[in-house]
Amino acid sequence: MKKTIQTILLVSFVILTTASFSLAQFNATDTSSFPYFHLGCLIVGGLIIVSLKQKYTRLYLSEAIGSFALYTFLIALFTAPVVDALKTLIS
């Protein structure tokens, strides 16, 4: 029962994080330059982390949530609006 509840919590975190990423990117860019590839990578990464959590019982919930949060941050760092903001900040 504990494993099922932890998996449900992880799935809900993955869905909420992916939805907030999509909403932020939709508001930051126009529809022609939406980062579909980044969104796909985020979805696939979430599925992999959830499947690893189900397969390995010694993987803690906090480790899975933390790794997905860092993965989301890494994916968001390489989108066009963030790169443009970093370019203007540096120059």
N, C-alpha and C. Protein backbone atom coordinates (compact mmCIF):
# COMPACT_ATOMS: atom_id res chain seq x y z
N MET A 1 0.82 -1.20 0.00
CA MET A 1 0.00 0.00 0.00
C MET A 1 0.86 1.26 0.00
N LYS A 2 1.96 1.24 0.78
CA LYS A 2 2.84 2.39 0.86
C LYS A 2 3.50 2.67 -0.49
N LYS A 3 3.87 1.61 -1.20
CA LYS A 3 4.50 1.75 -2.51
C LYS A 3 3.53 2.39 -3.50
N THR A 4 2.27 2.01 -3.45
CA THR A 4 1.27 2.57 -4.35
C THR A 4 1.03 4.05 -4.06
N ILE A 5 0.96 4.41 -2.81
CA ILE A 5 0.74 5.81 -2.45
C ILE A 5 1.93 6.67 -2.88
N GLN A 6 3.14 6.15 -2.68
CA GLN A 6 4.32 6.90 -3.09
C GLN A 6 4.38 7.06 -4.61
N THR A 7 3.98 6.04 -5.33
CA THR A 7 3.96 6.14 -6.79
C THR A 7 2.92 7.15 -7.25
N ILE A 8 1.76 7.17 -6.60
CA ILE A 8 0.72 8.15 -6.95
C ILE A 8 1.20 9.56 -6.66
N LEU A 9 1.88 9.76 -5.54
CA LEU A 9 2.43 11.08 -5.23
C LEU A 9 3.48 11.50 -6.25
N LEU A 10 4.33 10.58 -6.65
CA LEU A 10 5.35 10.89 -7.65
C LEU A 10 4.72 11.23 -9.00
N VAL A 11 3.73 10.46 -9.41
CA VAL A 11 3.05 10.73 -10.67
C VAL A 11 2.36 12.09 -10.65
N SER A 12 1.73 12.43 -9.53
CA SER A 12 1.08 13.73 -9.46
C SER A 12 2.11 14.86 -9.49
N PHE A 13 3.27 14.68 -8.86
CA PHE A 13 4.32 15.69 -8.93
C PHE A 13 4.84 15.84 -10.36
N VAL A 14 5.02 14.73 -11.06
CA VAL A 14 5.50 14.78 -12.44
C VAL A 14 4.49 15.50 -13.33
N ILE A 15 3.22 15.20 -13.16
CA ILE A 15 2.18 15.83 -13.98
C ILE A 15 2.10 17.33 -13.69
N LEU A 16 2.13 17.72 -12.42
CA LEU A 16 2.05 19.13 -12.08
C LEU A 16 3.28 19.90 -12.55
N THR A 17 4.45 19.32 -12.43
CA THR A 17 5.66 19.98 -12.89
C THR A 17 5.68 20.13 -14.40
N THR A 18 5.26 19.09 -15.12
CA THR A 18 5.21 19.15 -16.57
C THR A 18 4.17 20.16 -17.03
N ALA A 19 3.03 20.22 -16.35
CA ALA A 19 2.01 21.19 -16.71
C ALA A 19 2.47 22.62 -16.45
N SER A 20 3.18 22.84 -15.35
CA SER A 20 3.67 24.19 -15.08
C SER A 20 4.76 24.59 -16.07
N PHE A 21 5.59 23.64 -16.49
CA PHE A 21 6.58 23.91 -17.53
C PHE A 21 5.89 24.30 -18.84
N SER A 22 4.87 23.55 -19.21
CA SER A 22 4.14 23.85 -20.44
C SER A 22 3.47 25.20 -20.39
N LEU A 23 2.86 25.53 -19.28
CA LEU A 23 2.19 26.82 -19.13
C LEU A 23 3.19 27.97 -19.18
N ALA A 24 4.32 27.82 -18.51
CA ALA A 24 5.33 28.87 -18.52
C ALA A 24 5.91 29.07 -19.93
N GLN A 25 6.16 27.99 -20.63
CA GLN A 25 6.69 28.12 -21.98
C GLN A 25 5.66 28.68 -22.95
N PHE A 26 4.42 28.33 -22.76
CA PHE A 26 3.36 28.86 -23.62
C PHE A 26 3.19 30.36 -23.42
N ASN A 27 3.34 30.82 -22.18
CA ASN A 27 3.23 32.25 -21.91
C ASN A 27 4.47 33.01 -22.33
N ALA A 28 5.63 32.37 -22.35
CA ALA A 28 6.88 33.05 -22.68
C ALA A 28 7.14 33.12 -24.17
N THR A 29 6.60 32.20 -24.94
CA THR A 29 6.87 32.17 -26.38
C THR A 29 5.56 32.23 -27.15
N ASP A 30 5.70 32.44 -28.45
CA ASP A 30 4.51 32.37 -29.30
C ASP A 30 4.30 30.91 -29.72
N THR A 31 3.20 30.66 -30.39
CA THR A 31 2.84 29.27 -30.70
C THR A 31 3.75 28.64 -31.74
N SER A 32 4.41 29.45 -32.56
CA SER A 32 5.27 28.87 -33.60
C SER A 32 6.60 28.36 -33.03
N SER A 33 7.02 28.88 -31.89
CA SER A 33 8.31 28.45 -31.33
C SER A 33 8.15 27.72 -30.00
N PHE A 34 7.03 27.06 -29.80
CA PHE A 34 6.85 26.29 -28.57
C PHE A 34 7.80 25.11 -28.57
N PRO A 35 8.49 24.84 -27.47
CA PRO A 35 9.51 23.77 -27.43
C PRO A 35 8.89 22.38 -27.26
N TYR A 36 8.34 21.83 -28.32
CA TYR A 36 7.72 20.52 -28.25
C TYR A 36 8.73 19.42 -27.94
N PHE A 37 9.95 19.57 -28.47
CA PHE A 37 10.97 18.56 -28.20
C PHE A 37 11.31 18.52 -26.71
N HIS A 38 11.44 19.69 -26.10
CA HIS A 38 11.74 19.76 -24.67
C HIS A 38 10.61 19.17 -23.84
N LEU A 39 9.39 19.45 -24.25
CA LEU A 39 8.23 18.89 -23.55
C LEU A 39 8.22 17.37 -23.68
N GLY A 40 8.53 16.86 -24.85
CA GLY A 40 8.60 15.41 -25.04
C GLY A 40 9.68 14.77 -24.20
N CYS A 41 10.84 15.42 -24.13
CA CYS A 41 11.93 14.91 -23.28
C CYS A 41 11.52 14.91 -21.81
N LEU A 42 10.78 15.93 -21.40
CA LEU A 42 10.33 16.01 -20.02
C LEU A 42 9.33 14.89 -19.71
N ILE A 43 8.44 14.61 -20.62
CA ILE A 43 7.46 13.54 -20.42
C ILE A 43 8.14 12.18 -20.36
N VAL A 44 9.07 11.93 -21.28
CA VAL A 44 9.78 10.65 -21.30
C VAL A 44 10.62 10.49 -20.03
N GLY A 45 11.28 11.55 -19.59
CA GLY A 45 12.06 11.49 -18.36
C GLY A 45 11.20 11.20 -17.15
N GLY A 46 10.00 11.80 -17.11
CA GLY A 46 9.06 11.53 -16.02
C GLY A 46 8.61 10.08 -16.01
N LEU A 47 8.34 9.54 -17.19
CA LEU A 47 7.94 8.14 -17.27
C LEU A 47 9.06 7.21 -16.82
N ILE A 48 10.29 7.54 -17.16
CA ILE A 48 11.42 6.71 -16.75
C ILE A 48 11.60 6.74 -15.24
N ILE A 49 11.50 7.92 -14.65
CA ILE A 49 11.69 8.03 -13.19
C ILE A 49 10.57 7.30 -12.45
N VAL A 50 9.34 7.41 -12.95
CA VAL A 50 8.22 6.70 -12.31
C VAL A 50 8.42 5.19 -12.44
N SER A 51 8.86 4.73 -13.60
CA SER A 51 9.06 3.28 -13.75
C SER A 51 10.22 2.78 -12.88
N LEU A 52 11.25 3.60 -12.72
CA LEU A 52 12.34 3.21 -11.80
C LEU A 52 11.86 3.15 -10.36
N LYS A 53 10.98 4.09 -9.99
CA LYS A 53 10.44 4.09 -8.62
C LYS A 53 9.59 2.84 -8.38
N GLN A 54 8.85 2.42 -9.39
CA GLN A 54 8.03 1.21 -9.23
C GLN A 54 8.90 -0.05 -9.16
N LYS A 55 9.97 -0.07 -9.94
CA LYS A 55 10.79 -1.27 -10.02
C LYS A 55 11.68 -1.46 -8.79
N TYR A 56 12.28 -0.37 -8.32
CA TYR A 56 13.23 -0.46 -7.21
C TYR A 56 12.60 0.08 -5.94
N THR A 57 12.44 -0.78 -4.96
CA THR A 57 11.76 -0.39 -3.72
C THR A 57 12.66 0.44 -2.81
N ARG A 58 13.96 0.39 -3.00
CA ARG A 58 14.87 1.14 -2.14
C ARG A 58 15.04 2.58 -2.58
N LEU A 59 14.44 2.96 -3.68
CA LEU A 59 14.49 4.35 -4.16
C LEU A 59 13.46 5.15 -3.36
N TYR A 60 13.95 6.13 -2.62
CA TYR A 60 13.06 6.94 -1.79
C TYR A 60 12.25 7.90 -2.64
N LEU A 61 11.10 8.28 -2.12
CA LEU A 61 10.23 9.23 -2.81
C LEU A 61 10.93 10.58 -2.97
N SER A 62 11.62 11.03 -1.94
CA SER A 62 12.31 12.32 -2.02
C SER A 62 13.42 12.31 -3.08
N GLU A 63 14.09 11.18 -3.25
CA GLU A 63 15.13 11.07 -4.27
C GLU A 63 14.52 11.16 -5.67
N ALA A 64 13.39 10.49 -5.87
CA ALA A 64 12.74 10.51 -7.18
C ALA A 64 12.20 11.91 -7.50
N ILE A 65 11.59 12.56 -6.52
CA ILE A 65 11.06 13.91 -6.74
C ILE A 65 12.21 14.89 -6.97
N GLY A 66 13.27 14.77 -6.21
CA GLY A 66 14.42 15.66 -6.39
C GLY A 66 15.10 15.49 -7.73
N SER A 67 15.23 14.25 -8.17
CA SER A 67 15.87 14.02 -9.47
C SER A 67 15.00 14.55 -10.61
N PHE A 68 13.68 14.42 -10.49
CA PHE A 68 12.84 14.95 -11.55
C PHE A 68 12.81 16.48 -11.52
N ALA A 69 12.87 17.07 -10.34
CA ALA A 69 12.91 18.54 -10.25
C ALA A 69 14.20 19.07 -10.88
N LEU A 70 15.32 18.43 -10.61
CA LEU A 70 16.57 18.86 -11.23
C LEU A 70 16.56 18.63 -12.73
N TYR A 71 15.95 17.54 -13.18
CA TYR A 71 15.83 17.26 -14.61
C TYR A 71 14.96 18.32 -15.29
N THR A 72 13.89 18.73 -14.64
CA THR A 72 13.03 19.77 -15.19
C THR A 72 13.79 21.09 -15.28
N PHE A 73 14.55 21.41 -14.26
CA PHE A 73 15.35 22.63 -14.27
C PHE A 73 16.37 22.59 -15.42
N LEU A 74 16.99 21.45 -15.64
CA LEU A 74 17.95 21.31 -16.72
C LEU A 74 17.29 21.47 -18.09
N ILE A 75 16.14 20.87 -18.27
CA ILE A 75 15.41 21.00 -19.53
C ILE A 75 14.99 22.45 -19.75
N ALA A 76 14.50 23.11 -18.72
CA ALA A 76 14.04 24.49 -18.85
C ALA A 76 15.20 25.45 -19.14
N LEU A 77 16.40 25.10 -18.68
CA LEU A 77 17.55 25.96 -18.90
C LEU A 77 17.92 26.07 -20.37
N PHE A 78 17.62 25.06 -21.16
CA PHE A 78 18.02 25.05 -22.56
C PHE A 78 16.87 25.39 -23.51
N THR A 79 15.84 26.04 -23.03
CA THR A 79 14.79 26.51 -23.92
C THR A 79 15.15 27.90 -24.44
N ALA A 80 14.51 28.32 -25.51
CA ALA A 80 14.85 29.58 -26.17
C ALA A 80 14.68 30.82 -25.29
N PRO A 81 13.59 30.97 -24.52
CA PRO A 81 13.47 32.19 -23.72
C PRO A 81 14.56 32.33 -22.66
N VAL A 82 14.96 31.23 -22.06
CA VAL A 82 16.00 31.29 -21.03
C VAL A 82 17.36 31.59 -21.67
N VAL A 83 17.63 31.00 -22.81
CA VAL A 83 18.89 31.26 -23.51
C VAL A 83 18.95 32.71 -23.94
N ASP A 84 17.86 33.26 -24.47
CA ASP A 84 17.82 34.67 -24.86
C ASP A 84 18.02 35.59 -23.65
N ALA A 85 17.42 35.25 -22.53
CA ALA A 85 17.60 36.06 -21.33
C ALA A 85 19.03 36.02 -20.83
N LEU A 86 19.67 34.85 -20.91
CA LEU A 86 21.07 34.75 -20.51
C LEU A 86 21.99 35.51 -21.46
N LYS A 87 21.66 35.51 -22.77
CA LYS A 87 22.46 36.27 -23.73
C LYS A 87 22.38 37.76 -23.44
N THR A 88 21.19 38.26 -23.14
CA THR A 88 21.08 39.69 -22.86
C THR A 88 21.71 40.04 -21.51
N LEU A 89 21.69 39.11 -20.58
CA LEU A 89 22.31 39.35 -19.28
C LEU A 89 23.83 39.44 -19.39
N ILE A 90 24.41 38.58 -20.22
CA ILE A 90 25.86 38.55 -20.37
C ILE A 90 26.36 39.73 -21.19
N SER A 91 25.67 40.07 -22.25
CA SER A 91 26.15 41.17 -23.12
C SER A 91 25.66 42.53 -22.70
